[in-house]
């Protein structure tokens, strides 16, 4: 009998739109409050729009810092910025849990 080798899937550094949508769905499904789902949905959608409009960036701490600067330039309130960054962090953790992103990168975010 021959042993079959399973290819170990290496996590990505650049997440494509389907990866982000999968992580977004996982985050929204984990929330019980309809209000929380709406606010996280809006925050994640805004991040995905920004992320996809930039040149292909690696999903890491530097990108999240650039997004924070972008939000500050739009003169959002600090609480709004914190809420949006919290949603992005949840996406990173969900992507890491599903094997789409390195756990080390998610922890850095």
PDB file of N, CA and C in Angstrom:
ATOM      1  N   UNK A   1       0.831  -1.179   0.000  1.00  0.00           N
ATOM      2  CA  UNK A   1       0.000   0.000   0.000  1.00  0.00           C
ATOM      3  C   UNK A   1       0.873   1.239   0.000  1.00  0.00           C
ATOM      4  N   UNK A   2       0.488   2.182  -0.789  1.00  0.00           N
ATOM      5  CA  UNK A   2       1.240   3.435  -0.818  1.00  0.00           C
ATOM      6  C   UNK A   2       0.576   4.455   0.101  1.00  0.00           C
ATOM      7  N   UNK A   3       1.418   5.197   0.725  1.00  0.00           N
ATOM      8  CA  UNK A   3       0.902   6.244   1.609  1.00  0.00           C
ATOM      9  C   UNK A   3       0.610   7.485   0.785  1.00  0.00           C
ATOM     10  N   UNK A   4      -0.535   8.028   1.020  1.00  0.00           N
ATOM     11  CA  UNK A   4      -0.890   9.250   0.319  1.00  0.00           C
ATOM     12  C   UNK A   4      -0.466  10.441   1.172  1.00  0.00           C
ATOM     13  N   UNK A   5       0.181  11.348   0.524  1.00  0.00           N
ATOM     14  CA  UNK A   5       0.593  12.555   1.236  1.00  0.00           C
ATOM     15  C   UNK A   5      -0.438  13.644   0.997  1.00  0.00           C
ATOM     16  N   UNK A   6      -0.808  14.262   2.071  1.00  0.00           N
ATOM     17  CA  UNK A   6      -1.707  15.389   1.951  1.00  0.00           C
ATOM     18  C   UNK A   6      -0.875  16.650   1.915  1.00  0.00           C
ATOM     19  N   UNK A   7      -1.194  17.487   0.964  1.00  0.00           N
ATOM     20  CA  UNK A   7      -0.483  18.755   0.889  1.00  0.00           C
ATOM     21  C   UNK A   7      -0.973  19.655   2.015  1.00  0.00           C
ATOM     22  N   UNK A   8      -0.029  20.174   2.716  1.00  0.00           N
ATOM     23  CA  UNK A   8      -0.378  21.110   3.769  1.00  0.00           C
ATOM     24  C   UNK A   8      -0.571  22.470   3.118  1.00  0.00           C
ATOM     25  N   UNK A   9      -1.739  23.047   3.314  1.00  0.00           N
ATOM     26  CA  UNK A   9      -2.052  24.327   2.713  1.00  0.00           C
ATOM     27  C   UNK A   9      -1.384  25.439   3.510  1.00  0.00           C
ATOM     28  N   UNK A  10      -0.564  26.202   2.844  1.00  0.00           N
ATOM     29  CA  UNK A  10       0.099  27.302   3.525  1.00  0.00           C
ATOM     30  C   UNK A  10      -0.811  28.514   3.546  1.00  0.00           C
ATOM     31  N   UNK A  11      -0.899  29.151   4.696  1.00  0.00           N
ATOM     32  CA  UNK A  11      -1.727  30.342   4.795  1.00  0.00           C
ATOM     33  C   UNK A  11      -1.210  31.450   3.880  1.00  0.00           C
ATOM     34  N   UNK A  12      -2.111  32.312   3.488  1.00  0.00           N
ATOM     35  CA  UNK A  12      -1.784  33.379   2.554  1.00  0.00           C
ATOM     36  C   UNK A  12      -1.342  34.640   3.298  1.00  0.00           C
ATOM     37  N   UNK A  13      -0.702  35.500   2.550  1.00  0.00           N
ATOM     38  CA  UNK A  13      -0.371  36.827   3.058  1.00  0.00           C
ATOM     39  C   UNK A  13      -1.275  37.871   2.421  1.00  0.00           C
ATOM     40  N   UNK A  14      -1.713  37.607   1.201  1.00  0.00           N
ATOM     41  CA  UNK A  14      -2.621  38.504   0.492  1.00  0.00           C
ATOM     42  C   UNK A  14      -3.960  37.794   0.397  1.00  0.00           C
ATOM     43  N   UNK A  15      -4.985  38.400   0.968  1.00  0.00           N
ATOM     44  CA  UNK A  15      -6.307  37.789   0.932  1.00  0.00           C
ATOM     45  C   UNK A  15      -7.095  38.362  -0.233  1.00  0.00           C
ATOM     46  N   UNK A  16      -7.704  37.487  -0.996  1.00  0.00           N
ATOM     47  CA  UNK A  16      -8.544  37.897  -2.116  1.00  0.00           C
ATOM     48  C   UNK A  16      -9.958  38.155  -1.610  1.00  0.00           C
ATOM     49  N   UNK A  17     -10.775  38.708  -2.479  1.00  0.00           N
ATOM     50  CA  UNK A  17     -12.143  39.040  -2.107  1.00  0.00           C
ATOM     51  C   UNK A  17     -12.934  37.835  -1.577  1.00  0.00           C
ATOM     52  N   UNK A  18     -12.860  36.656  -2.198  1.00  0.00           N
ATOM     53  CA  UNK A  18     -13.592  35.506  -1.630  1.00  0.00           C
ATOM     54  C   UNK A  18     -13.124  35.143  -0.216  1.00  0.00           C
ATOM     55  N   UNK A  19     -11.820  35.275   0.037  1.00  0.00           N
ATOM     56  CA  UNK A  19     -11.298  34.987   1.382  1.00  0.00           C
ATOM     57  C   UNK A  19     -11.852  35.979   2.400  1.00  0.00           C
ATOM     58  N   UNK A  20     -11.885  37.241   2.011  1.00  0.00           N
ATOM     59  CA  UNK A  20     -12.407  38.272   2.908  1.00  0.00           C
ATOM     60  C   UNK A  20     -13.901  38.078   3.147  1.00  0.00           C
ATOM     61  N   UNK A  21     -14.625  37.719   2.095  1.00  0.00           N
ATOM     62  CA  UNK A  21     -16.068  37.497   2.247  1.00  0.00           C
ATOM     63  C   UNK A  21     -16.350  36.288   3.147  1.00  0.00           C
ATOM     64  N   UNK A  22     -15.541  35.246   3.022  1.00  0.00           N
ATOM     65  CA  UNK A  22     -15.710  34.071   3.882  1.00  0.00           C
ATOM     66  C   UNK A  22     -15.457  34.442   5.336  1.00  0.00           C
ATOM     67  N   UNK A  23     -14.418  35.211   5.592  1.00  0.00           N
ATOM     68  CA  UNK A  23     -14.104  35.628   6.954  1.00  0.00           C
ATOM     69  C   UNK A  23     -15.166  36.579   7.492  1.00  0.00           C
ATOM     70  N   UNK A  24     -15.659  37.450   6.631  1.00  0.00           N
ATOM     71  CA  UNK A  24     -16.723  38.381   7.032  1.00  0.00           C
ATOM     72  C   UNK A  24     -17.969  37.608   7.457  1.00  0.00           C
ATOM     73  N   UNK A  25     -18.348  36.619   6.668  1.00  0.00           N
ATOM     74  CA  UNK A  25     -19.529  35.812   7.002  1.00  0.00           C
ATOM     75  C   UNK A  25     -19.341  35.097   8.338  1.00  0.00           C
ATOM     76  N   UNK A  26     -18.142  34.596   8.587  1.00  0.00           N
ATOM     77  CA  UNK A  26     -17.875  33.917   9.858  1.00  0.00           C
ATOM     78  C   UNK A  26     -17.996  34.882  11.034  1.00  0.00           C
ATOM     79  N   UNK A  27     -17.490  36.096  10.863  1.00  0.00           N
ATOM     80  CA  UNK A  27     -17.584  37.107  11.930  1.00  0.00           C
ATOM     81  C   UNK A  27     -19.046  37.447  12.187  1.00  0.00           C
ATOM     82  N   UNK A  28     -19.793  37.719  11.138  1.00  0.00           N
ATOM     83  CA  UNK A  28     -21.195  38.118  11.309  1.00  0.00           C
ATOM     84  C   UNK A  28     -22.034  36.998  11.917  1.00  0.00           C
ATOM     85  N   UNK A  29     -21.731  35.755  11.563  1.00  0.00           N
ATOM     86  CA  UNK A  29     -22.462  34.624  12.138  1.00  0.00           C
ATOM     87  C   UNK A  29     -22.150  34.419  13.612  1.00  0.00           C
ATOM     88  N   UNK A  30     -21.005  34.916  14.055  1.00  0.00           N
ATOM     89  CA  UNK A  30     -20.641  34.744  15.463  1.00  0.00           C
ATOM     90  C   UNK A  30     -21.291  35.789  16.366  1.00  0.00           C
ATOM     91  N   UNK A  31     -21.869  36.830  15.774  1.00  0.00           N
ATOM     92  CA  UNK A  31     -22.509  37.889  16.552  1.00  0.00           C
ATOM     93  C   UNK A  31     -23.981  37.576  16.747  1.00  0.00           C
ATOM     94  N   UNK A  32     -24.484  37.820  17.938  1.00  0.00           N
ATOM     95  CA  UNK A  32     -25.890  37.533  18.220  1.00  0.00           C
ATOM     96  C   UNK A  32     -26.781  38.756  18.073  1.00  0.00           C
ATOM     97  N   UNK A  33     -26.233  39.923  18.294  1.00  0.00           N
ATOM     98  CA  UNK A  33     -27.007  41.159  18.232  1.00  0.00           C
ATOM     99  C   UNK A  33     -27.165  41.621  16.790  1.00  0.00           C
ATOM    100  N   UNK A  34     -28.394  41.952  16.413  1.00  0.00           N
ATOM    101  CA  UNK A  34     -28.645  42.466  15.059  1.00  0.00           C
ATOM    102  C   UNK A  34     -27.938  43.799  14.851  1.00  0.00           C
ATOM    103  N   UNK A  35     -27.898  44.618  15.887  1.00  0.00           N
ATOM    104  CA  UNK A  35     -27.218  45.905  15.799  1.00  0.00           C
ATOM    105  C   UNK A  35     -25.710  45.710  15.602  1.00  0.00           C
ATOM    106  N   UNK A  36     -25.147  44.764  16.332  1.00  0.00           N
ATOM    107  CA  UNK A  36     -23.732  44.454  16.178  1.00  0.00           C
ATOM    108  C   UNK A  36     -23.421  43.915  14.797  1.00  0.00           C
ATOM    109  N   UNK A  37     -24.311  43.076  14.288  1.00  0.00           N
ATOM    110  CA  UNK A  37     -24.124  42.543  12.944  1.00  0.00           C
ATOM    111  C   UNK A  37     -24.146  43.647  11.897  1.00  0.00           C
ATOM    112  N   UNK A  38     -25.073  44.600  12.053  1.00  0.00           N
ATOM    113  CA  UNK A  38     -25.154  45.706  11.104  1.00  0.00           C
ATOM    114  C   UNK A  38     -23.902  46.571  11.137  1.00  0.00           C
ATOM    115  N   UNK A  39     -23.453  46.923  12.350  1.00  0.00           N
ATOM    116  CA  UNK A  39     -22.291  47.810  12.442  1.00  0.00           C
ATOM    117  C   UNK A  39     -21.015  47.109  11.965  1.00  0.00           C
ATOM    118  N   UNK A  40     -20.852  45.818  12.308  1.00  0.00           N
ATOM    119  CA  UNK A  40     -19.671  45.085  11.835  1.00  0.00           C
ATOM    120  C   UNK A  40     -19.737  44.862  10.327  1.00  0.00           C
ATOM    121  N   UNK A  41     -20.931  44.601   9.803  1.00  0.00           N
ATOM    122  CA  UNK A  41     -21.091  44.425   8.364  1.00  0.00           C
ATOM    123  C   UNK A  41     -20.658  45.691   7.634  1.00  0.00           C
ATOM    124  N   UNK A  42     -21.096  46.828   8.121  1.00  0.00           N
ATOM    125  CA  UNK A  42     -20.734  48.101   7.505  1.00  0.00           C
ATOM    126  C   UNK A  42     -19.227  48.353   7.617  1.00  0.00           C
ATOM    127  N   UNK A  43     -18.667  48.113   8.797  1.00  0.00           N
ATOM    128  CA  UNK A  43     -17.238  48.348   9.019  1.00  0.00           C
ATOM    129  C   UNK A  43     -16.376  47.432   8.151  1.00  0.00           C
ATOM    130  N   UNK A  44     -16.739  46.161   8.067  1.00  0.00           N
ATOM    131  CA  UNK A  44     -15.963  45.208   7.271  1.00  0.00           C
ATOM    132  C   UNK A  44     -16.105  45.515   5.786  1.00  0.00           C
ATOM    133  N   UNK A  45     -17.298  45.870   5.355  1.00  0.00           N
ATOM    134  CA  UNK A  45     -17.507  46.211   3.940  1.00  0.00           C
ATOM    135  C   UNK A  45     -16.665  47.421   3.547  1.00  0.00           C
ATOM    136  N   UNK A  46     -16.615  48.430   4.415  1.00  0.00           N
ATOM    137  CA  UNK A  46     -15.783  49.604   4.135  1.00  0.00           C
ATOM    138  C   UNK A  46     -14.311  49.223   4.045  1.00  0.00           C
ATOM    139  N   UNK A  47     -13.866  48.355   4.956  1.00  0.00           N
ATOM    140  CA  UNK A  47     -12.472  47.925   4.913  1.00  0.00           C
ATOM    141  C   UNK A  47     -12.177  47.147   3.636  1.00  0.00           C
ATOM    142  N   UNK A  48     -13.071  46.246   3.257  1.00  0.00           N
ATOM    143  CA  UNK A  48     -12.870  45.438   2.052  1.00  0.00           C
ATOM    144  C   UNK A  48     -12.810  46.347   0.820  1.00  0.00           C
ATOM    145  N   UNK A  49     -13.687  47.349   0.768  1.00  0.00           N
ATOM    146  CA  UNK A  49     -13.651  48.290  -0.351  1.00  0.00           C
ATOM    147  C   UNK A  49     -12.309  49.006  -0.404  1.00  0.00           C
ATOM    148  N   UNK A  50     -11.831  49.486   0.741  1.00  0.00           N
ATOM    149  CA  UNK A  50     -10.547  50.177   0.791  1.00  0.00           C
ATOM    150  C   UNK A  50      -9.411  49.225   0.429  1.00  0.00           C
ATOM    151  N   UNK A  51      -9.421  48.035   1.009  1.00  0.00           N
ATOM    152  CA  UNK A  51      -8.351  47.048   0.799  1.00  0.00           C
ATOM    153  C   UNK A  51      -8.246  46.654  -0.674  1.00  0.00           C
ATOM    154  N   UNK A  52      -9.388  46.464  -1.317  1.00  0.00           N
ATOM    155  CA  UNK A  52      -9.385  46.044  -2.720  1.00  0.00           C
ATOM    156  C   UNK A  52      -9.073  47.200  -3.665  1.00  0.00           C
ATOM    157  N   UNK A  53      -9.237  48.436  -3.215  1.00  0.00           N
ATOM    158  CA  UNK A  53      -8.941  49.581  -4.068  1.00  0.00           C
ATOM    159  C   UNK A  53      -7.450  49.900  -4.088  1.00  0.00           C
ATOM    160  N   UNK A  54      -6.728  49.435  -3.089  1.00  0.00           N
ATOM    161  CA  UNK A  54      -5.287  49.643  -3.017  1.00  0.00           C
ATOM    162  C   UNK A  54      -4.580  48.607  -3.886  1.00  0.00           C
ATOM    163  N   UNK A  55      -3.302  48.872  -4.250  1.00  0.00           N
ATOM    164  CA  UNK A  55      -2.543  47.825  -4.938  1.00  0.00           C
ATOM    165  C   UNK A  55      -2.501  46.569  -4.054  1.00  0.00           C
ATOM    166  N   UNK A  56      -2.353  45.421  -4.627  1.00  0.00           N
ATOM    167  CA  UNK A  56      -2.390  44.164  -3.876  1.00  0.00           C
ATOM    168  C   UNK A  56      -1.474  44.230  -2.674  1.00  0.00           C
ATOM    169  N   UNK A  57      -2.062  44.384  -1.520  1.00  0.00           N
ATOM    170  CA  UNK A  57      -1.321  44.513  -0.275  1.00  0.00           C
ATOM    171  C   UNK A  57      -1.382  43.220   0.519  1.00  0.00           C
ATOM    172  N   UNK A  58      -0.324  42.950   1.241  1.00  0.00           N
ATOM    173  CA  UNK A  58      -0.352  41.837   2.190  1.00  0.00           C
ATOM    174  C   UNK A  58      -1.245  42.255   3.350  1.00  0.00           C
ATOM    175  N   UNK A  59      -1.994  41.320   3.883  1.00  0.00           N
ATOM    176  CA  UNK A  59      -2.878  41.623   5.007  1.00  0.00           C
ATOM    177  C   UNK A  59      -2.059  41.468   6.275  1.00  0.00           C
ATOM    178  N   UNK A  60      -1.572  42.590   6.798  1.00  0.00           N
ATOM    179  CA  UNK A  60      -0.721  42.556   7.986  1.00  0.00           C
ATOM    180  C   UNK A  60      -0.922  43.820   8.799  1.00  0.00           C
ATOM    181  N   UNK A  61      -0.115  43.966   9.823  1.00  0.00           N
ATOM    182  CA  UNK A  61      -0.238  45.100  10.745  1.00  0.00           C
ATOM    183  C   UNK A  61      -0.063  46.434  10.025  1.00  0.00           C
ATOM    184  N   UNK A  62       0.866  46.506   9.100  1.00  0.00           N
ATOM    185  CA  UNK A  62       1.133  47.750   8.382  1.00  0.00           C
ATOM    186  C   UNK A  62      -0.085  48.194   7.581  1.00  0.00           C
ATOM    187  N   UNK A  63      -0.760  47.256   6.956  1.00  0.00           N
ATOM    188  CA  UNK A  63      -1.961  47.586   6.182  1.00  0.00           C
ATOM    189  C   UNK A  63      -3.051  48.113   7.100  1.00  0.00           C
ATOM    190  N   UNK A  64      -3.202  47.512   8.261  1.00  0.00           N
ATOM    191  CA  UNK A  64      -4.218  47.968   9.205  1.00  0.00           C
ATOM    192  C   UNK A  64      -3.865  49.358   9.729  1.00  0.00           C
ATOM    193  N   UNK A  65      -2.587  49.636   9.935  1.00  0.00           N
ATOM    194  CA  UNK A  65      -2.175  50.984  10.340  1.00  0.00           C
ATOM    195  C   UNK A  65      -2.466  51.996   9.230  1.00  0.00           C
ATOM    196  N   UNK A  66      -2.226  51.612   7.983  1.00  0.00           N
ATOM    197  CA  UNK A  66      -2.555  52.490   6.856  1.00  0.00           C
ATOM    198  C   UNK A  66      -4.052  52.744   6.782  1.00  0.00           C
ATOM    199  N   UNK A  67      -4.835  51.736   7.084  1.00  0.00           N
ATOM    200  CA  UNK A  67      -6.290  51.903   7.100  1.00  0.00           C
ATOM    201  C   UNK A  67      -6.696  52.860   8.219  1.00  0.00           C
ATOM    202  N   UNK A  68      -6.049  52.741   9.372  1.00  0.00           N
ATOM    203  CA  UNK A  68      -6.341  53.661  10.473  1.00  0.00           C
ATOM    204  C   UNK A  68      -6.034  55.104  10.073  1.00  0.00           C
ATOM    205  N   UNK A  69      -4.913  55.304   9.414  1.00  0.00           N
ATOM    206  CA  UNK A  69      -4.555  56.642   8.944  1.00  0.00           C
ATOM    207  C   UNK A  69      -5.595  57.159   7.950  1.00  0.00           C
ATOM    208  N   UNK A  70      -6.041  56.274   7.081  1.00  0.00           N
ATOM    209  CA  UNK A  70      -7.095  56.633   6.115  1.00  0.00           C
ATOM    210  C   UNK A  70      -8.357  57.080   6.853  1.00  0.00           C
ATOM    211  N   UNK A  71      -8.757  56.354   7.894  1.00  0.00           N
ATOM    212  CA  UNK A  71      -9.948  56.711   8.669  1.00  0.00           C
ATOM    213  C   UNK A  71      -9.750  58.048   9.397  1.00  0.00           C
ATOM    214  N   UNK A  72      -8.557  58.252   9.917  1.00  0.00           N
ATOM    215  CA  UNK A  72      -8.269  59.519  10.602  1.00  0.00           C
ATOM    216  C   UNK A  72      -8.323  60.689   9.629  1.00  0.00           C
ATOM    217  N   UNK A  73      -7.844  60.481   8.408  1.00  0.00           N
ATOM    218  CA  UNK A  73      -7.885  61.542   7.401  1.00  0.00           C
ATOM    219  C   UNK A  73      -9.318  61.882   6.999  1.00  0.00           C
ATOM    220  N   UNK A  74     -10.201  60.916   7.111  1.00  0.00           N
ATOM    221  CA  UNK A  74     -11.617  61.168   6.830  1.00  0.00           C
ATOM    222  C   UNK A  74     -12.306  61.825   8.028  1.00  0.00           C
ATOM    223  N   UNK A  75     -11.537  62.059   9.091  1.00  0.00           N
ATOM    224  CA  UNK A  75     -11.979  62.732  10.313  1.00  0.00           C
ATOM    225  C   UNK A  75     -13.123  62.014  11.026  1.00  0.00           C
ATOM    226  N   UNK A  76     -13.002  60.695  11.090  1.00  0.00           N
ATOM    227  CA  UNK A  76     -13.953  59.927  11.888  1.00  0.00           C
ATOM    228  C   UNK A  76     -13.634  60.108  13.367  1.00  0.00           C
ATOM    229  N   UNK A  77     -14.639  59.949  14.194  1.00  0.00           N
ATOM    230  CA  UNK A  77     -14.454  60.031  15.637  1.00  0.00           C
ATOM    231  C   UNK A  77     -13.611  58.845  16.107  1.00  0.00           C
ATOM    232  N   UNK A  78     -12.849  59.010  17.186  1.00  0.00           N
ATOM    233  CA  UNK A  78     -12.016  57.903  17.683  1.00  0.00           C
ATOM    234  C   UNK A  78     -12.814  56.633  17.975  1.00  0.00           C
ATOM    235  N   UNK A  79     -14.037  56.770  18.488  1.00  0.00           N
ATOM    236  CA  UNK A  79     -14.832  55.567  18.768  1.00  0.00           C
ATOM    237  C   UNK A  79     -15.214  54.837  17.476  1.00  0.00           C
ATOM    238  N   UNK A  80     -15.484  55.585  16.434  1.00  0.00           N
ATOM    239  CA  UNK A  80     -15.808  54.975  15.138  1.00  0.00           C
ATOM    240  C   UNK A  80     -14.597  54.236  14.589  1.00  0.00           C
ATOM    241  N   UNK A  81     -13.434  54.865  14.707  1.00  0.00           N
ATOM    242  CA  UNK A  81     -12.199  54.234  14.239  1.00  0.00           C
ATOM    243  C   UNK A  81     -11.937  52.954  15.020  1.00  0.00           C
ATOM    244  N   UNK A  82     -12.108  52.993  16.334  1.00  0.00           N
ATOM    245  CA  UNK A  82     -11.889  51.804  17.162  1.00  0.00           C
ATOM    246  C   UNK A  82     -12.854  50.680  16.799  1.00  0.00           C
ATOM    247  N   UNK A  83     -14.096  51.009  16.544  1.00  0.00           N
ATOM    248  CA  UNK A  83     -15.078  49.995  16.161  1.00  0.00           C
ATOM    249  C   UNK A  83     -14.686  49.354  14.835  1.00  0.00           C
ATOM    250  N   UNK A  84     -14.262  50.164  13.875  1.00  0.00           N
ATOM    251  CA  UNK A  84     -13.887  49.627  12.568  1.00  0.00           C
ATOM    252  C   UNK A  84     -12.634  48.772  12.649  1.00  0.00           C
ATOM    253  N   UNK A  85     -11.683  49.194  13.472  1.00  0.00           N
ATOM    254  CA  UNK A  85     -10.469  48.388  13.631  1.00  0.00           C
ATOM    255  C   UNK A  85     -10.767  47.084  14.368  1.00  0.00           C
ATOM    256  N   UNK A  86     -11.703  47.118  15.307  1.00  0.00           N
ATOM    257  CA  UNK A  86     -12.099  45.887  16.007  1.00  0.00           C
ATOM    258  C   UNK A  86     -12.705  44.891  15.020  1.00  0.00           C
ATOM    259  N   UNK A  87     -13.497  45.389  14.090  1.00  0.00           N
ATOM    260  CA  UNK A  87     -14.088  44.514  13.071  1.00  0.00           C
ATOM    261  C   UNK A  87     -13.006  43.909  12.182  1.00  0.00           C
ATOM    262  N   UNK A  88     -12.003  44.705  11.831  1.00  0.00           N
ATOM    263  CA  UNK A  88     -10.900  44.208  10.998  1.00  0.00           C
ATOM    264  C   UNK A  88     -10.117  43.135  11.754  1.00  0.00           C
ATOM    265  N   UNK A  89      -9.896  43.360  13.050  1.00  0.00           N
ATOM    266  CA  UNK A  89      -9.197  42.353  13.860  1.00  0.00           C
ATOM    267  C   UNK A  89      -9.968  41.041  13.892  1.00  0.00           C
ATOM    268  N   UNK A  90     -11.282  41.130  14.025  1.00  0.00           N
ATOM    269  CA  UNK A  90     -12.100  39.911  14.028  1.00  0.00           C
ATOM    270  C   UNK A  90     -11.990  39.167  12.702  1.00  0.00           C
ATOM    271  N   UNK A  91     -11.938  39.915  11.612  1.00  0.00           N
ATOM    272  CA  UNK A  91     -11.758  39.286  10.294  1.00  0.00           C
ATOM    273  C   UNK A  91     -10.417  38.561  10.259  1.00  0.00           C
ATOM    274  N   UNK A  92      -9.385  39.195  10.792  1.00  0.00           N
ATOM    275  CA  UNK A  92      -8.051  38.570  10.800  1.00  0.00           C
ATOM    276  C   UNK A  92      -8.067  37.286  11.614  1.00  0.00           C
ATOM    277  N   UNK A  93      -8.695  37.303  12.780  1.00  0.00           N
ATOM    278  CA  UNK A  93      -8.747  36.096  13.612  1.00  0.00           C
ATOM    279  C   UNK A  93      -9.549  34.991  12.929  1.00  0.00           C
ATOM    280  N   UNK A  94     -10.655  35.355  12.290  1.00  0.00           N
ATOM    281  CA  UNK A  94     -11.453  34.344  11.579  1.00  0.00           C
ATOM    282  C   UNK A  94     -10.684  33.764  10.402  1.00  0.00           C
ATOM    283  N   UNK A  95      -9.942  34.623   9.698  1.00  0.00           N
ATOM    284  CA  UNK A  95      -9.139  34.141   8.573  1.00  0.00           C
ATOM    285  C   UNK A  95      -8.054  33.189   9.066  1.00  0.00           C
ATOM    286  N   UNK A  96      -7.472  33.486  10.213  1.00  0.00           N
ATOM    287  CA  UNK A  96      -6.451  32.600  10.785  1.00  0.00           C
ATOM    288  C   UNK A  96      -7.076  31.285  11.241  1.00  0.00           C
ATOM    289  N   UNK A  97      -8.255  31.353  11.854  1.00  0.00           N
ATOM    290  CA  UNK A  97      -8.925  30.138  12.317  1.00  0.00           C
ATOM    291  C   UNK A  97      -9.293  29.206  11.164  1.00  0.00           C
ATOM    292  N   UNK A  98      -9.610  29.788  10.024  1.00  0.00           N
ATOM    293  CA  UNK A  98      -9.992  28.952   8.883  1.00  0.00           C
ATOM    294  C   UNK A  98      -8.801  28.578   8.008  1.00  0.00           C
ATOM    295  N   UNK A  99      -7.594  28.979   8.420  1.00  0.00           N
ATOM    296  CA  UNK A  99      -6.393  28.594   7.696  1.00  0.00           C
ATOM    297  C   UNK A  99      -6.049  29.475   6.515  1.00  0.00           C
ATOM    298  N   UNK A 100      -6.739  30.601   6.376  1.00  0.00           N
ATOM    299  CA  UNK A 100      -6.480  31.501   5.260  1.00  0.00           C
ATOM    300  C   UNK A 100      -5.321  32.451   5.526  1.00  0.00           C
ATOM    301  N   UNK A 101      -5.002  32.653   6.807  1.00  0.00           N
ATOM    302  CA  UNK A 101      -3.993  33.630   7.193  1.00  0.00           C
ATOM    303  C   UNK A 101      -3.114  33.019   8.281  1.00  0.00           C
ATOM    304  N   UNK A 102      -1.852  33.360   8.263  1.00  0.00           N
ATOM    305  CA  UNK A 102      -0.931  32.863   9.297  1.00  0.00           C
ATOM    306  C   UNK A 102      -1.390  33.362  10.673  1.00  0.00           C
ATOM    307  N   UNK A 103      -1.406  32.502  11.675  1.00  0.00           N
ATOM    308  CA  UNK A 103      -1.792  32.953  13.015  1.00  0.00           C
ATOM    309  C   UNK A 103      -0.898  34.076  13.533  1.00  0.00           C
ATOM    310  N   UNK A 104       0.386  34.057  13.136  1.00  0.00           N
ATOM    311  CA  UNK A 104       1.299  35.102  13.582  1.00  0.00           C
ATOM    312  C   UNK A 104       0.890  36.461  13.011  1.00  0.00           C
ATOM    313  N   UNK A 105       0.460  36.467  11.754  1.00  0.00           N
ATOM    314  CA  UNK A 105       0.009  37.716  11.153  1.00  0.00           C
ATOM    315  C   UNK A 105      -1.261  38.215  11.823  1.00  0.00           C
ATOM    316  N   UNK A 106      -2.183  37.305  12.101  1.00  0.00           N
ATOM    317  CA  UNK A 106      -3.422  37.697  12.771  1.00  0.00           C
ATOM    318  C   UNK A 106      -3.136  38.266  14.156  1.00  0.00           C
ATOM    319  N   UNK A 107      -2.196  37.663  14.860  1.00  0.00           N
ATOM    320  CA  UNK A 107      -1.844  38.165  16.198  1.00  0.00           C
ATOM    321  C   UNK A 107      -1.208  39.545  16.100  1.00  0.00           C
ATOM    322  N   UNK A 108      -0.445  39.796  15.043  1.00  0.00           N
ATOM    323  CA  UNK A 108       0.178  41.100  14.852  1.00  0.00           C
ATOM    324  C   UNK A 108      -0.820  42.189  14.545  1.00  0.00           C
ATOM    325  N   UNK A 109      -1.911  41.799  13.937  1.00  0.00           N
ATOM    326  CA  UNK A 109      -2.962  42.772  13.605  1.00  0.00           C
ATOM    327  C   UNK A 109      -3.706  43.140  14.856  1.00  0.00           C
TER     328      UNK A 109
END
